């Protein structure tokens, strides 16, 4: 089975901390609205990518995930004479929370369960001046391990 790739042209959003409430004396945890909306958007994009790639079922077996999160350059850092180039994003949000939102949204769409992901290649960058924020995602099957691997 081939790879599934998609690109989201939007500012990346991390998985938020679960919120707690009590219903009938029982504590309940739920996703914040911002996280729910972001994951619903990703799921829709992933469904379209699966359809465009000709996949009818989720990927089976071990998977490698390659993700790049591109954050927009803050307006305060724009320069007229020497436009800013891409740079590493070393501030919040954490990369693991960014990945978690993608994995949760793609579960049962691109793959059955996020436990299938055996390798993650992810990075966060600040986009070059004039470049729009984005999230580029690729999921592909991994070759089986051999004794010499």
C-alpha atoms as a PDB file:
ATOM      1  CA  UNK A   1       0.000   0.000   0.000  1.00  0.00           C
ATOM      2  CA  UNK A   2       1.375   3.415  -0.957  1.00  0.00           C
ATOM      3  CA  UNK A   3       1.765   6.545   1.065  1.00  0.00           C
ATOM      4  CA  UNK A   4      -0.959   8.967   2.054  1.00  0.00           C
ATOM      5  CA  UNK A   5       0.062  12.629   1.872  1.00  0.00           C
ATOM      6  CA  UNK A   6      -1.797  15.807   2.621  1.00  0.00           C
ATOM      7  CA  UNK A   7      -1.074  19.441   3.337  1.00  0.00           C
ATOM      8  CA  UNK A   8      -3.129  21.715   5.528  1.00  0.00           C
ATOM      9  CA  UNK A   9      -2.730  25.415   4.832  1.00  0.00           C
ATOM     10  CA  UNK A  10      -3.457  26.674   8.330  1.00  0.00           C
ATOM     11  CA  UNK A  11      -1.631  27.555  11.541  1.00  0.00           C
ATOM     12  CA  UNK A  12      -0.807  24.321  13.441  1.00  0.00           C
ATOM     13  CA  UNK A  13      -2.767  23.715  16.659  1.00  0.00           C
ATOM     14  CA  UNK A  14      -1.589  21.418  19.438  1.00  0.00           C
ATOM     15  CA  UNK A  15      -3.736  18.903  21.281  1.00  0.00           C
ATOM     16  CA  UNK A  16      -5.111  20.772  24.277  1.00  0.00           C
ATOM     17  CA  UNK A  17      -5.185  19.547  27.834  1.00  0.00           C
ATOM     18  CA  UNK A  18      -8.351  17.642  28.704  1.00  0.00           C
ATOM     19  CA  UNK A  19     -10.957  19.702  30.541  1.00  0.00           C
ATOM     20  CA  UNK A  20     -12.854  18.241  33.470  1.00  0.00           C
ATOM     21  CA  UNK A  21     -16.462  18.604  34.509  1.00  0.00           C
ATOM     22  CA  UNK A  22     -18.829  16.759  36.788  1.00  0.00           C
ATOM     23  CA  UNK A  23     -22.052  15.238  35.498  1.00  0.00           C
ATOM     24  CA  UNK A  24     -24.244  13.527  38.049  1.00  0.00           C
ATOM     25  CA  UNK A  25     -21.420  13.502  40.570  1.00  0.00           C
ATOM     26  CA  UNK A  26     -19.063  11.753  38.130  1.00  0.00           C
ATOM     27  CA  UNK A  27     -15.920  13.432  36.810  1.00  0.00           C
ATOM     28  CA  UNK A  28     -15.791  13.546  32.996  1.00  0.00           C
ATOM     29  CA  UNK A  29     -12.896  14.609  30.784  1.00  0.00           C
ATOM     30  CA  UNK A  30     -13.415  16.188  27.374  1.00  0.00           C
ATOM     31  CA  UNK A  31     -11.397  17.854  24.613  1.00  0.00           C
ATOM     32  CA  UNK A  32     -11.341  21.668  24.465  1.00  0.00           C
ATOM     33  CA  UNK A  33     -13.420  23.071  21.576  1.00  0.00           C
ATOM     34  CA  UNK A  34     -10.342  24.368  19.717  1.00  0.00           C
ATOM     35  CA  UNK A  35      -8.788  20.859  19.714  1.00  0.00           C
ATOM     36  CA  UNK A  36     -12.060  19.194  18.668  1.00  0.00           C
ATOM     37  CA  UNK A  37     -12.530  21.602  15.759  1.00  0.00           C
ATOM     38  CA  UNK A  38      -8.906  21.212  14.613  1.00  0.00           C
ATOM     39  CA  UNK A  39      -9.105  17.408  14.712  1.00  0.00           C
ATOM     40  CA  UNK A  40     -12.409  17.405  12.794  1.00  0.00           C
ATOM     41  CA  UNK A  41     -10.796  19.596  10.108  1.00  0.00           C
ATOM     42  CA  UNK A  42      -7.748  17.291   9.864  1.00  0.00           C
ATOM     43  CA  UNK A  43      -9.987  14.217   9.668  1.00  0.00           C
ATOM     44  CA  UNK A  44     -11.870  15.726   6.728  1.00  0.00           C
ATOM     45  CA  UNK A  45      -8.627  16.551   4.901  1.00  0.00           C
ATOM     46  CA  UNK A  46      -7.269  13.049   5.631  1.00  0.00           C
ATOM     47  CA  UNK A  47     -10.457  11.424   4.273  1.00  0.00           C
ATOM     48  CA  UNK A  48     -10.092  13.400   1.043  1.00  0.00           C
ATOM     49  CA  UNK A  49      -6.397  12.429   0.809  1.00  0.00           C
ATOM     50  CA  UNK A  50      -7.251   8.758   1.280  1.00  0.00           C
ATOM     51  CA  UNK A  51      -9.881   8.985  -1.448  1.00  0.00           C
ATOM     52  CA  UNK A  52      -7.509  10.848  -3.808  1.00  0.00           C
ATOM     53  CA  UNK A  53      -4.789   8.238  -3.218  1.00  0.00           C
ATOM     54  CA  UNK A  54      -7.259   5.470  -4.097  1.00  0.00           C
ATOM     55  CA  UNK A  55      -7.295   3.908  -0.626  1.00  0.00           C
ATOM     56  CA  UNK A  56     -10.593   2.488   0.575  1.00  0.00           C
ATOM     57  CA  UNK A  57      -9.348   0.990   3.857  1.00  0.00           C
ATOM     58  CA  UNK A  58      -6.945   2.243   6.518  1.00  0.00           C
ATOM     59  CA  UNK A  59      -3.269   1.285   6.232  1.00  0.00           C
ATOM     60  CA  UNK A  60      -2.469  -2.055   7.865  1.00  0.00           C
ATOM     61  CA  UNK A  61       0.741  -2.891   9.734  1.00  0.00           C
ATOM     62  CA  UNK A  62       3.565  -0.664  10.958  1.00  0.00           C
ATOM     63  CA  UNK A  63       3.595   2.954   9.780  1.00  0.00           C
ATOM     64  CA  UNK A  64       6.113   5.776   9.548  1.00  0.00           C
ATOM     65  CA  UNK A  65       4.758   9.301  10.059  1.00  0.00           C
ATOM     66  CA  UNK A  66       6.523  12.310   8.552  1.00  0.00           C
ATOM     67  CA  UNK A  67       5.159  15.671   9.646  1.00  0.00           C
ATOM     68  CA  UNK A  68       6.351  19.259   9.230  1.00  0.00           C
ATOM     69  CA  UNK A  69       4.660  22.057  11.138  1.00  0.00           C
ATOM     70  CA  UNK A  70       5.204  25.497   9.609  1.00  0.00           C
ATOM     71  CA  UNK A  71       4.316  28.440  11.843  1.00  0.00           C
ATOM     72  CA  UNK A  72       3.841  31.886  10.367  1.00  0.00           C
ATOM     73  CA  UNK A  73       6.525  34.479  10.985  1.00  0.00           C
ATOM     74  CA  UNK A  74       5.423  37.042  13.594  1.00  0.00           C
ATOM     75  CA  UNK A  75       4.781  40.480  12.045  1.00  0.00           C
ATOM     76  CA  UNK A  76       7.297  41.993  14.469  1.00  0.00           C
ATOM     77  CA  UNK A  77      10.082  40.020  12.762  1.00  0.00           C
ATOM     78  CA  UNK A  78       9.353  41.183   9.192  1.00  0.00           C
ATOM     79  CA  UNK A  79      12.275  42.989   7.522  1.00  0.00           C
ATOM     80  CA  UNK A  80      12.136  45.132   4.386  1.00  0.00           C
ATOM     81  CA  UNK A  81      15.749  44.964   3.242  1.00  0.00           C
ATOM     82  CA  UNK A  82      16.633  41.399   4.190  1.00  0.00           C
ATOM     83  CA  UNK A  83      13.498  39.228   4.324  1.00  0.00           C
ATOM     84  CA  UNK A  84      13.596  36.451   6.909  1.00  0.00           C
ATOM     85  CA  UNK A  85      14.187  32.863   5.786  1.00  0.00           C
ATOM     86  CA  UNK A  86      12.917  29.663   7.380  1.00  0.00           C
ATOM     87  CA  UNK A  87      14.166  28.962  10.896  1.00  0.00           C
ATOM     88  CA  UNK A  88      13.622  26.357  13.591  1.00  0.00           C
ATOM     89  CA  UNK A  89      10.643  26.959  15.867  1.00  0.00           C
ATOM     90  CA  UNK A  90      11.893  26.458  19.441  1.00  0.00           C
ATOM     91  CA  UNK A  91       8.937  27.760  21.422  1.00  0.00           C
ATOM     92  CA  UNK A  92       5.557  26.397  22.411  1.00  0.00           C
ATOM     93  CA  UNK A  93       3.598  24.372  21.462  1.00  0.00           C
ATOM     94  CA  UNK A  94       5.503  21.148  22.069  1.00  0.00           C
ATOM     95  CA  UNK A  95       6.018  18.947  19.035  1.00  0.00           C
ATOM     96  CA  UNK A  96       4.537  15.892  20.768  1.00  0.00           C
ATOM     97  CA  UNK A  97       1.232  17.712  21.380  1.00  0.00           C
ATOM     98  CA  UNK A  98       1.164  18.856  17.743  1.00  0.00           C
ATOM     99  CA  UNK A  99       1.700  15.267  16.558  1.00  0.00           C
ATOM    100  CA  UNK A 100      -0.884  13.899  18.987  1.00  0.00           C
ATOM    101  CA  UNK A 101      -3.636  16.034  17.418  1.00  0.00           C
ATOM    102  CA  UNK A 102      -2.722  14.723  13.940  1.00  0.00           C
ATOM    103  CA  UNK A 103      -2.617  11.099  15.115  1.00  0.00           C
ATOM    104  CA  UNK A 104      -5.931  11.326  16.979  1.00  0.00           C
ATOM    105  CA  UNK A 105      -7.635  12.858  13.940  1.00  0.00           C
ATOM    106  CA  UNK A 106      -6.281  10.255  11.503  1.00  0.00           C
ATOM    107  CA  UNK A 107      -7.170   7.241  13.653  1.00  0.00           C
ATOM    108  CA  UNK A 108      -9.677   4.940  11.905  1.00  0.00           C
ATOM    109  CA  UNK A 109      -9.246   7.006   8.711  1.00  0.00           C
ATOM    110  CA  UNK A 110      -5.619   6.611   7.613  1.00  0.00           C
ATOM    111  CA  UNK A 111      -4.729   3.840  10.091  1.00  0.00           C
ATOM    112  CA  UNK A 112      -6.705   1.734  12.544  1.00  0.00           C
ATOM    113  CA  UNK A 113      -4.915   2.790  15.718  1.00  0.00           C
ATOM    114  CA  UNK A 114      -2.008   5.123  16.458  1.00  0.00           C
ATOM    115  CA  UNK A 115      -0.177   2.183  18.056  1.00  0.00           C
ATOM    116  CA  UNK A 116       0.676   1.204  14.446  1.00  0.00           C
ATOM    117  CA  UNK A 117       3.033   4.197  14.208  1.00  0.00           C
ATOM    118  CA  UNK A 118       6.535   2.861  14.813  1.00  0.00           C
ATOM    119  CA  UNK A 119       8.581   5.809  13.544  1.00  0.00           C
ATOM    120  CA  UNK A 120       7.974   9.545  13.691  1.00  0.00           C
ATOM    121  CA  UNK A 121       9.937  12.126  11.741  1.00  0.00           C
ATOM    122  CA  UNK A 122       8.622  15.525  12.771  1.00  0.00           C
ATOM    123  CA  UNK A 123       9.869  19.082  12.904  1.00  0.00           C
ATOM    124  CA  UNK A 124       8.646  22.610  13.620  1.00  0.00           C
ATOM    125  CA  UNK A 125       9.750  25.598  11.595  1.00  0.00           C
ATOM    126  CA  UNK A 126       8.995  29.279  11.350  1.00  0.00           C
ATOM    127  CA  UNK A 127       8.037  29.977   7.748  1.00  0.00           C
ATOM    128  CA  UNK A 128       9.976  32.390   5.604  1.00  0.00           C
ATOM    129  CA  UNK A 129       8.729  35.941   5.320  1.00  0.00           C
ATOM    130  CA  UNK A 130       5.630  35.933   3.110  1.00  0.00           C
ATOM    131  CA  UNK A 131       5.140  32.146   3.356  1.00  0.00           C
ATOM    132  CA  UNK A 132       1.814  30.922   4.791  1.00  0.00           C
ATOM    133  CA  UNK A 133       1.575  28.598   7.777  1.00  0.00           C
ATOM    134  CA  UNK A 134       1.049  24.908   6.986  1.00  0.00           C
ATOM    135  CA  UNK A 135       1.114  21.312   8.182  1.00  0.00           C
ATOM    136  CA  UNK A 136       2.547  18.723   5.771  1.00  0.00           C
ATOM    137  CA  UNK A 137       1.761  15.101   6.647  1.00  0.00           C
ATOM    138  CA  UNK A 138       2.773  11.764   5.138  1.00  0.00           C
ATOM    139  CA  UNK A 139       1.922   8.283   6.409  1.00  0.00           C
ATOM    140  CA  UNK A 140       3.467   5.239   4.749  1.00  0.00           C
ATOM    141  CA  UNK A 141       3.871   1.553   5.473  1.00  0.00           C
ATOM    142  CA  UNK A 142       7.220   0.410   6.882  1.00  0.00           C
ATOM    143  CA  UNK A 143       9.111  -2.561   5.513  1.00  0.00           C
ATOM    144  CA  UNK A 144       9.325  -5.512   7.928  1.00  0.00           C
ATOM    145  CA  UNK A 145      12.459  -5.757  10.082  1.00  0.00           C
ATOM    146  CA  UNK A 146      15.074  -8.316   9.172  1.00  0.00           C
ATOM    147  CA  UNK A 147      17.686  -9.931  11.393  1.00  0.00           C
ATOM    148  CA  UNK A 148      20.333  -7.540  10.043  1.00  0.00           C
ATOM    149  CA  UNK A 149      18.215  -4.384  10.650  1.00  0.00           C
END
